Amino acid sequence: MPSKGKVVYLTFDDGPTKEVTPLILDILALHKIKATFFVLGKNVLQNPEIFQRILDEGHAVGNHTFSHLKGWKTDNKAYFEDVK
């Protein structure tokens, strides 16, 4: 992203959640700021309307696995299955 000044990238992990994500989205919208949300698949299934709002408001989305397994405690096959 080209910029003439300093740049800060805002990222939010482990959502979307009903308790926090709408508040974050409200603040970002108020200040006309875009962010990247690294979401958990299980939370997307539980909160599809909040996930859709993230997309509708033009934020970037990344995969933070389905259930947030601990990579250092999980064998590779199980971990990569959780990323799908």
PDB file of N, CA and C in Angstrom:
ATOM      1  N   MET A   1       0.839  -1.167   0.000  1.00  0.00           N
ATOM      2  CA  MET A   1       0.000   0.000   0.000  1.00  0.00           C
ATOM      3  C   MET A   1       0.891   1.240   0.000  1.00  0.00           C
ATOM      4  N   PRO A   2       0.860   2.040  -1.061  1.00  0.00           N
ATOM      5  CA  PRO A   2       1.687   3.250  -1.128  1.00  0.00           C
ATOM      6  C   PRO A   2       1.263   4.270  -0.076  1.00  0.00           C
ATOM      7  N   SER A   3       2.243   4.937   0.488  1.00  0.00           N
ATOM      8  CA  SER A   3       1.954   5.946   1.507  1.00  0.00           C
ATOM      9  C   SER A   3       3.044   6.994   1.511  1.00  0.00           C
ATOM     10  N   LYS A   4       2.678   8.218   1.825  1.00  0.00           N
ATOM     11  CA  LYS A   4       3.653   9.299   1.923  1.00  0.00           C
ATOM     12  C   LYS A   4       4.166   9.461   3.345  1.00  0.00           C
ATOM     13  N   GLY A   5       3.544   8.795   4.286  1.00  0.00           N
ATOM     14  CA  GLY A   5       3.945   8.928   5.680  1.00  0.00           C
ATOM     15  C   GLY A   5       4.140   7.579   6.325  1.00  0.00           C
ATOM     16  N   LYS A   6       4.189   7.602   7.624  1.00  0.00           N
ATOM     17  CA  LYS A   6       4.324   6.355   8.376  1.00  0.00           C
ATOM     18  C   LYS A   6       3.025   5.566   8.290  1.00  0.00           C
ATOM     19  N   VAL A   7       3.155   4.246   8.344  1.00  0.00           N
ATOM     20  CA  VAL A   7       2.003   3.363   8.218  1.00  0.00           C
ATOM     21  C   VAL A   7       1.939   2.439   9.422  1.00  0.00           C
ATOM     22  N   VAL A   8       0.736   2.214   9.908  1.00  0.00           N
ATOM     23  CA  VAL A   8       0.487   1.244  10.972  1.00  0.00           C
ATOM     24  C   VAL A   8      -0.546   0.260  10.440  1.00  0.00           C
ATOM     25  N   TYR A   9      -0.277  -1.023  10.606  1.00  0.00           N
ATOM     26  CA  TYR A   9      -1.230  -2.050  10.214  1.00  0.00           C
ATOM     27  C   TYR A   9      -1.929  -2.560  11.463  1.00  0.00           C
ATOM     28  N   LEU A  10      -3.245  -2.481  11.476  1.00  0.00           N
ATOM     29  CA  LEU A  10      -4.033  -2.986  12.596  1.00  0.00           C
ATOM     30  C   LEU A  10      -4.535  -4.378  12.249  1.00  0.00           C
ATOM     31  N   THR A  11      -4.277  -5.323  13.137  1.00  0.00           N
ATOM     32  CA  THR A  11      -4.770  -6.681  12.946  1.00  0.00           C
ATOM     33  C   THR A  11      -5.484  -7.123  14.210  1.00  0.00           C
ATOM     34  N   PHE A  12      -6.514  -7.925  14.015  1.00  0.00           N
ATOM     35  CA  PHE A  12      -7.293  -8.451  15.128  1.00  0.00           C
ATOM     36  C   PHE A  12      -7.432  -9.954  14.925  1.00  0.00           C
ATOM     37  N   ASP A  13      -7.113 -10.729  15.950  1.00  0.00           N
ATOM     38  CA  ASP A  13      -7.110 -12.192  15.870  1.00  0.00           C
ATOM     39  C   ASP A  13      -8.263 -12.802  16.660  1.00  0.00           C
ATOM     40  N   ASP A  14      -8.618 -14.020  16.262  1.00  0.00           N
ATOM     41  CA  ASP A  14      -9.482 -14.922  17.018  1.00  0.00           C
ATOM     42  C   ASP A  14     -10.971 -14.600  16.967  1.00  0.00           C
ATOM     43  N   GLY A  15     -11.397 -13.659  16.205  1.00  0.00           N
ATOM     44  CA  GLY A  15     -12.816 -13.328  16.104  1.00  0.00           C
ATOM     45  C   GLY A  15     -13.457 -14.096  14.962  1.00  0.00           C
ATOM     46  N   PRO A  16     -14.620 -13.678  14.570  1.00  0.00           N
ATOM     47  CA  PRO A  16     -15.382 -12.604  15.168  1.00  0.00           C
ATOM     48  C   PRO A  16     -16.127 -13.074  16.413  1.00  0.00           C
ATOM     49  N   THR A  17     -16.241 -12.177  17.379  1.00  0.00           N
ATOM     50  CA  THR A  17     -17.023 -12.469  18.579  1.00  0.00           C
ATOM     51  C   THR A  17     -18.081 -11.388  18.764  1.00  0.00           C
ATOM     52  N   LYS A  18     -19.195 -11.764  19.359  1.00  0.00           N
ATOM     53  CA  LYS A  18     -20.286 -10.810  19.598  1.00  0.00           C
ATOM     54  C   LYS A  18     -19.892  -9.753  20.615  1.00  0.00           C
ATOM     55  N   GLU A  19     -18.993 -10.106  21.533  1.00  0.00           N
ATOM     56  CA  GLU A  19     -18.635  -9.199  22.618  1.00  0.00           C
ATOM     57  C   GLU A  19     -17.703  -8.074  22.172  1.00  0.00           C
ATOM     58  N   VAL A  20     -16.812  -8.353  21.231  1.00  0.00           N
ATOM     59  CA  VAL A  20     -15.745  -7.396  20.924  1.00  0.00           C
ATOM     60  C   VAL A  20     -15.779  -6.871  19.485  1.00  0.00           C
ATOM     61  N   THR A  21     -15.979  -7.738  18.523  1.00  0.00           N
ATOM     62  CA  THR A  21     -15.820  -7.346  17.121  1.00  0.00           C
ATOM     63  C   THR A  21     -16.728  -6.190  16.697  1.00  0.00           C
ATOM     64  N   PRO A  22     -18.017  -6.162  17.075  1.00  0.00           N
ATOM     65  CA  PRO A  22     -18.835  -5.010  16.678  1.00  0.00           C
ATOM     66  C   PRO A  22     -18.297  -3.681  17.214  1.00  0.00           C
ATOM     67  N   LEU A  23     -17.762  -3.687  18.421  1.00  0.00           N
ATOM     68  CA  LEU A  23     -17.183  -2.460  18.987  1.00  0.00           C
ATOM     69  C   LEU A  23     -15.967  -2.013  18.187  1.00  0.00           C
ATOM     70  N   ILE A  24     -15.123  -2.969  17.836  1.00  0.00           N
ATOM     71  CA  ILE A  24     -13.945  -2.652  17.022  1.00  0.00           C
ATOM     72  C   ILE A  24     -14.380  -2.084  15.676  1.00  0.00           C
ATOM     73  N   LEU A  25     -15.363  -2.712  15.051  1.00  0.00           N
ATOM     74  CA  LEU A  25     -15.838  -2.238  13.751  1.00  0.00           C
ATOM     75  C   LEU A  25     -16.421  -0.832  13.842  1.00  0.00           C
ATOM     76  N   ASP A  26     -17.149  -0.550  14.916  1.00  0.00           N
ATOM     77  CA  ASP A  26     -17.703   0.794  15.107  1.00  0.00           C
ATOM     78  C   ASP A  26     -16.599   1.841  15.206  1.00  0.00           C
ATOM     79  N   ILE A  27     -15.563   1.544  15.976  1.00  0.00           N
ATOM     80  CA  ILE A  27     -14.447   2.486  16.146  1.00  0.00           C
ATOM     81  C   ILE A  27     -13.701   2.677  14.829  1.00  0.00           C
ATOM     82  N   LEU A  28     -13.452   1.584  14.125  1.00  0.00           N
ATOM     83  CA  LEU A  28     -12.766   1.687  12.835  1.00  0.00           C
ATOM     84  C   LEU A  28     -13.581   2.528  11.850  1.00  0.00           C
ATOM     85  N   ALA A  29     -14.892   2.309  11.811  1.00  0.00           N
ATOM     86  CA  ALA A  29     -15.754   3.067  10.899  1.00  0.00           C
ATOM     87  C   ALA A  29     -15.766   4.552  11.262  1.00  0.00           C
ATOM     88  N   LEU A  30     -15.823   4.845  12.541  1.00  0.00           N
ATOM     89  CA  LEU A  30     -15.834   6.233  13.007  1.00  0.00           C
ATOM     90  C   LEU A  30     -14.616   7.004  12.516  1.00  0.00           C
ATOM     91  N   HIS A  31     -13.482   6.320  12.484  1.00  0.00           N
ATOM     92  CA  HIS A  31     -12.221   6.960  12.096  1.00  0.00           C
ATOM     93  C   HIS A  31     -11.808   6.655  10.650  1.00  0.00           C
ATOM     94  N   LYS A  32     -12.711   5.976   9.910  1.00  0.00           N
ATOM     95  CA  LYS A  32     -12.449   5.620   8.504  1.00  0.00           C
ATOM     96  C   LYS A  32     -11.129   4.861   8.348  1.00  0.00           C
ATOM     97  N   ILE A  33     -10.973   3.851   9.187  1.00  0.00           N
ATOM     98  CA  ILE A  33      -9.756   3.035   9.210  1.00  0.00           C
ATOM     99  C   ILE A  33     -10.104   1.613   8.765  1.00  0.00           C
ATOM    100  N   LYS A  34      -9.228   1.014   7.989  1.00  0.00           N
ATOM    101  CA  LYS A  34      -9.366  -0.391   7.602  1.00  0.00           C
ATOM    102  C   LYS A  34      -8.360  -1.217   8.389  1.00  0.00           C
ATOM    103  N   ALA A  35      -8.712  -2.475   8.622  1.00  0.00           N
ATOM    104  CA  ALA A  35      -7.856  -3.381   9.384  1.00  0.00           C
ATOM    105  C   ALA A  35      -7.904  -4.758   8.739  1.00  0.00           C
ATOM    106  N   THR A  36      -7.101  -5.652   9.271  1.00  0.00           N
ATOM    107  CA  THR A  36      -7.127  -7.054   8.861  1.00  0.00           C
ATOM    108  C   THR A  36      -7.606  -7.880  10.041  1.00  0.00           C
ATOM    109  N   PHE A  37      -8.577  -8.739   9.788  1.00  0.00           N
ATOM    110  CA  PHE A  37      -9.127  -9.622  10.814  1.00  0.00           C
ATOM    111  C   PHE A  37      -8.695 -11.052  10.495  1.00  0.00           C
ATOM    112  N   PHE A  38      -7.913 -11.647  11.396  1.00  0.00           N
ATOM    113  CA  PHE A  38      -7.517 -13.047  11.265  1.00  0.00           C
ATOM    114  C   PHE A  38      -8.527 -13.863  12.069  1.00  0.00           C
ATOM    115  N   VAL A  39      -9.458 -14.473  11.357  1.00  0.00           N
ATOM    116  CA  VAL A  39     -10.619 -15.090  11.995  1.00  0.00           C
ATOM    117  C   VAL A  39     -10.439 -16.589  12.204  1.00  0.00           C
ATOM    118  N   LEU A  40     -11.155 -17.092  13.185  1.00  0.00           N
ATOM    119  CA  LEU A  40     -11.247 -18.534  13.429  1.00  0.00           C
ATOM    120  C   LEU A  40     -12.489 -19.051  12.717  1.00  0.00           C
ATOM    121  N   GLY A  41     -12.347 -20.156  12.003  1.00  0.00           N
ATOM    122  CA  GLY A  41     -13.482 -20.728  11.289  1.00  0.00           C
ATOM    123  C   GLY A  41     -14.669 -21.008  12.185  1.00  0.00           C
ATOM    124  N   LYS A  42     -14.416 -21.528  13.393  1.00  0.00           N
ATOM    125  CA  LYS A  42     -15.533 -21.842  14.289  1.00  0.00           C
ATOM    126  C   LYS A  42     -16.273 -20.577  14.712  1.00  0.00           C
ATOM    127  N   ASN A  43     -15.561 -19.466  14.852  1.00  0.00           N
ATOM    128  CA  ASN A  43     -16.222 -18.214  15.231  1.00  0.00           C
ATOM    129  C   ASN A  43     -16.992 -17.608  14.063  1.00  0.00           C
ATOM    130  N   VAL A  44     -16.501 -17.823  12.847  1.00  0.00           N
ATOM    131  CA  VAL A  44     -17.241 -17.371  11.665  1.00  0.00           C
ATOM    132  C   VAL A  44     -18.570 -18.113  11.588  1.00  0.00           C
ATOM    133  N   LEU A  45     -18.557 -19.424  11.848  1.00  0.00           N
ATOM    134  CA  LEU A  45     -19.798 -20.205  11.821  1.00  0.00           C
ATOM    135  C   LEU A  45     -20.763 -19.754  12.912  1.00  0.00           C
ATOM    136  N   GLN A  46     -20.243 -19.353  14.068  1.00  0.00           N
ATOM    137  CA  GLN A  46     -21.093 -18.906  15.177  1.00  0.00           C
ATOM    138  C   GLN A  46     -21.599 -17.476  14.990  1.00  0.00           C
ATOM    139  N   ASN A  47     -20.874 -16.671  14.225  1.00  0.00           N
ATOM    140  CA  ASN A  47     -21.213 -15.252  14.072  1.00  0.00           C
ATOM    141  C   ASN A  47     -21.146 -14.815  12.605  1.00  0.00           C
ATOM    142  N   PRO A  48     -21.910 -15.463  11.735  1.00  0.00           N
ATOM    143  CA  PRO A  48     -21.800 -15.144  10.307  1.00  0.00           C
ATOM    144  C   PRO A  48     -22.173 -13.702   9.977  1.00  0.00           C
ATOM    145  N   GLU A  49     -23.096 -13.123  10.726  1.00  0.00           N
ATOM    146  CA  GLU A  49     -23.507 -11.750  10.435  1.00  0.00           C
ATOM    147  C   GLU A  49     -22.394 -10.752  10.749  1.00  0.00           C
ATOM    148  N   ILE A  50     -21.616 -11.033  11.775  1.00  0.00           N
ATOM    149  CA  ILE A  50     -20.491 -10.150  12.101  1.00  0.00           C
ATOM    150  C   ILE A  50     -19.382 -10.327  11.069  1.00  0.00           C
ATOM    151  N   PHE A  51     -19.141 -11.560  10.663  1.00  0.00           N
ATOM    152  CA  PHE A  51     -18.145 -11.802   9.615  1.00  0.00           C
ATOM    153  C   PHE A  51     -18.543 -11.079   8.329  1.00  0.00           C
ATOM    154  N   GLN A  52     -19.817 -11.146   7.982  1.00  0.00           N
ATOM    155  CA  GLN A  52     -20.290 -10.458   6.778  1.00  0.00           C
ATOM    156  C   GLN A  52     -20.094  -8.950   6.902  1.00  0.00           C
ATOM    157  N   ARG A  53     -20.300  -8.419   8.093  1.00  0.00           N
ATOM    158  CA  ARG A  53     -20.079  -6.980   8.306  1.00  0.00           C
ATOM    159  C   ARG A  53     -18.607  -6.619   8.067  1.00  0.00           C
ATOM    160  N   ILE A  54     -17.700  -7.464   8.547  1.00  0.00           N
ATOM    161  CA  ILE A  54     -16.262  -7.233   8.306  1.00  0.00           C
ATOM    162  C   ILE A  54     -16.012  -7.105   6.806  1.00  0.00           C
ATOM    163  N   LEU A  55     -16.561  -8.030   6.040  1.00  0.00           N
ATOM    164  CA  LEU A  55     -16.387  -8.015   4.586  1.00  0.00           C
ATOM    165  C   LEU A  55     -17.062  -6.801   3.955  1.00  0.00           C
ATOM    166  N   ASP A  56     -18.301  -6.541   4.364  1.00  0.00           N
ATOM    167  CA  ASP A  56     -19.067  -5.436   3.781  1.00  0.00           C
ATOM    168  C   ASP A  56     -18.390  -4.088   4.001  1.00  0.00           C
ATOM    169  N   GLU A  57     -17.680  -3.952   5.117  1.00  0.00           N
ATOM    170  CA  GLU A  57     -17.029  -2.681   5.435  1.00  0.00           C
ATOM    171  C   GLU A  57     -15.628  -2.569   4.831  1.00  0.00           C
ATOM    172  N   GLY A  58     -15.244  -3.583   4.043  1.00  0.00           N
ATOM    173  CA  GLY A  58     -14.016  -3.487   3.260  1.00  0.00           C
ATOM    174  C   GLY A  58     -12.723  -3.841   3.969  1.00  0.00           C
ATOM    175  N   HIS A  59     -12.820  -4.567   5.061  1.00  0.00           N
ATOM    176  CA  HIS A  59     -11.621  -4.980   5.776  1.00  0.00           C
ATOM    177  C   HIS A  59     -11.035  -6.233   5.131  1.00  0.00           C
ATOM    178  N   ALA A  60      -9.755  -6.445   5.331  1.00  0.00           N
ATOM    179  CA  ALA A  60      -9.097  -7.662   4.855  1.00  0.00           C
ATOM    180  C   ALA A  60      -9.333  -8.778   5.871  1.00  0.00           C
ATOM    181  N   VAL A  61      -9.332 -10.011   5.369  1.00  0.00           N
ATOM    182  CA  VAL A  61      -9.574 -11.176   6.225  1.00  0.00           C
ATOM    183  C   VAL A  61      -8.487 -12.207   5.972  1.00  0.00           C
ATOM    184  N   GLY A  62      -8.013 -12.828   7.053  1.00  0.00           N
ATOM    185  CA  GLY A  62      -7.044 -13.902   6.961  1.00  0.00           C
ATOM    186  C   GLY A  62      -7.495 -15.093   7.791  1.00  0.00           C
ATOM    187  N   ASN A  63      -6.973 -16.257   7.450  1.00  0.00           N
ATOM    188  CA  ASN A  63      -7.308 -17.506   8.135  1.00  0.00           C
ATOM    189  C   ASN A  63      -6.415 -17.675   9.364  1.00  0.00           C
ATOM    190  N   HIS A  64      -7.033 -17.821  10.520  1.00  0.00           N
ATOM    191  CA  HIS A  64      -6.293 -18.045  11.770  1.00  0.00           C
ATOM    192  C   HIS A  64      -6.589 -19.446  12.301  1.00  0.00           C
ATOM    193  N   THR A  65      -6.841 -20.365  11.418  1.00  0.00           N
ATOM    194  CA  THR A  65      -7.222 -21.765  11.630  1.00  0.00           C
ATOM    195  C   THR A  65      -8.702 -21.868  11.974  1.00  0.00           C
ATOM    196  N   PHE A  66      -9.180 -23.099  12.101  1.00  0.00           N
ATOM    197  CA  PHE A  66     -10.586 -23.309  12.433  1.00  0.00           C
ATOM    198  C   PHE A  66     -10.817 -23.198  13.932  1.00  0.00           C
ATOM    199  N   SER A  67      -9.972 -23.856  14.725  1.00  0.00           N
ATOM    200  CA  SER A  67     -10.245 -23.918  16.167  1.00  0.00           C
ATOM    201  C   SER A  67      -9.090 -23.454  17.041  1.00  0.00           C
ATOM    202  N   HIS A  68      -8.059 -22.875  16.439  1.00  0.00           N
ATOM    203  CA  HIS A  68      -6.917 -22.309  17.174  1.00  0.00           C
ATOM    204  C   HIS A  68      -6.136 -23.372  17.953  1.00  0.00           C
ATOM    205  N   LEU A  69      -5.826 -24.469  17.271  1.00  0.00           N
ATOM    206  CA  LEU A  69      -4.969 -25.480  17.889  1.00  0.00           C
ATOM    207  C   LEU A  69      -3.603 -24.875  18.188  1.00  0.00           C
ATOM    208  N   LYS A  70      -2.958 -25.382  19.199  1.00  0.00           N
ATOM    209  CA  LYS A  70      -1.598 -24.945  19.526  1.00  0.00           C
ATOM    210  C   LYS A  70      -0.629 -25.646  18.573  1.00  0.00           C
ATOM    211  N   GLY A  71      -0.019 -24.892  17.676  1.00  0.00           N
ATOM    212  CA  GLY A  71       0.855 -25.464  16.661  1.00  0.00           C
ATOM    213  C   GLY A  71       2.021 -26.240  17.219  1.00  0.00           C
ATOM    214  N   TRP A  72       2.549 -25.817  18.342  1.00  0.00           N
ATOM    215  CA  TRP A  72       3.705 -26.488  18.926  1.00  0.00           C
ATOM    216  C   TRP A  72       3.316 -27.734  19.716  1.00  0.00           C
ATOM    217  N   LYS A  73       2.005 -27.965  19.906  1.00  0.00           N
ATOM    218  CA  LYS A  73       1.548 -29.150  20.641  1.00  0.00           C
ATOM    219  C   LYS A  73       0.737 -30.097  19.762  1.00  0.00           C
ATOM    220  N   THR A  74       0.640 -29.778  18.477  1.00  0.00           N
ATOM    221  CA  THR A  74      -0.208 -30.540  17.567  1.00  0.00           C
ATOM    222  C   THR A  74       0.643 -31.081  16.426  1.00  0.00           C
ATOM    223  N   ASP A  75       0.386 -32.334  16.025  1.00  0.00           N
ATOM    224  CA  ASP A  75       1.164 -32.874  14.907  1.00  0.00           C
ATOM    225  C   ASP A  75       0.783 -32.138  13.618  1.00  0.00           C
ATOM    226  N   ASN A  76       1.694 -32.155  12.663  1.00  0.00           N
ATOM    227  CA  ASN A  76       1.524 -31.381  11.428  1.00  0.00           C
ATOM    228  C   ASN A  76       0.225 -31.696  10.697  1.00  0.00           C
ATOM    229  N   LYS A  77      -0.109 -32.971  10.582  1.00  0.00           N
ATOM    230  CA  LYS A  77      -1.308 -33.349   9.832  1.00  0.00           C
ATOM    231  C   LYS A  77      -2.555 -32.733  10.460  1.00  0.00           C
ATOM    232  N   ALA A  78      -2.705 -32.866  11.765  1.00  0.00           N
ATOM    233  CA  ALA A  78      -3.877 -32.312  12.450  1.00  0.00           C
ATOM    234  C   ALA A  78      -3.900 -30.790  12.359  1.00  0.00           C
ATOM    235  N   TYR A  79      -2.739 -30.182  12.492  1.00  0.00           N
ATOM    236  CA  TYR A  79      -2.676 -28.719  12.439  1.00  0.00           C
ATOM    237  C   TYR A  79      -3.088 -28.200  11.060  1.00  0.00           C
ATOM    238  N   PHE A  80      -2.542 -28.798  10.008  1.00  0.00           N
ATOM    239  CA  PHE A  80      -2.872 -28.327   8.666  1.00  0.00           C
ATOM    240  C   PHE A  80      -4.315 -28.634   8.291  1.00  0.00           C
ATOM    241  N   GLU A  81      -4.888 -29.686   8.838  1.00  0.00           N
ATOM    242  CA  GLU A  81      -6.315 -29.946   8.639  1.00  0.00           C
ATOM    243  C   GLU A  81      -7.138 -28.829   9.265  1.00  0.00           C
ATOM    244  N   ASP A  82      -6.678 -28.303  10.394  1.00  0.00           N
ATOM    245  CA  ASP A  82      -7.400 -27.239  11.089  1.00  0.00           C
ATOM    246  C   ASP A  82      -7.326 -25.915  10.327  1.00  0.00           C
ATOM    247  N   VAL A  83      -6.340 -25.779   9.459  1.00  0.00           N
ATOM    248  CA  VAL A  83      -6.203 -24.555   8.664  1.00  0.00           C
ATOM    249  C   VAL A  83      -7.161 -24.562   7.476  1.00  0.00           C
ATOM    250  N   LYS A  84      -7.532 -25.738   6.987  1.00  0.00           N
ATOM    251  CA  LYS A  84      -8.392 -25.834   5.789  1.00  0.00           C
ATOM    252  C   LYS A  84      -9.735 -25.181   5.989  1.00  0.00           C
TER     253      LYS A  84
END
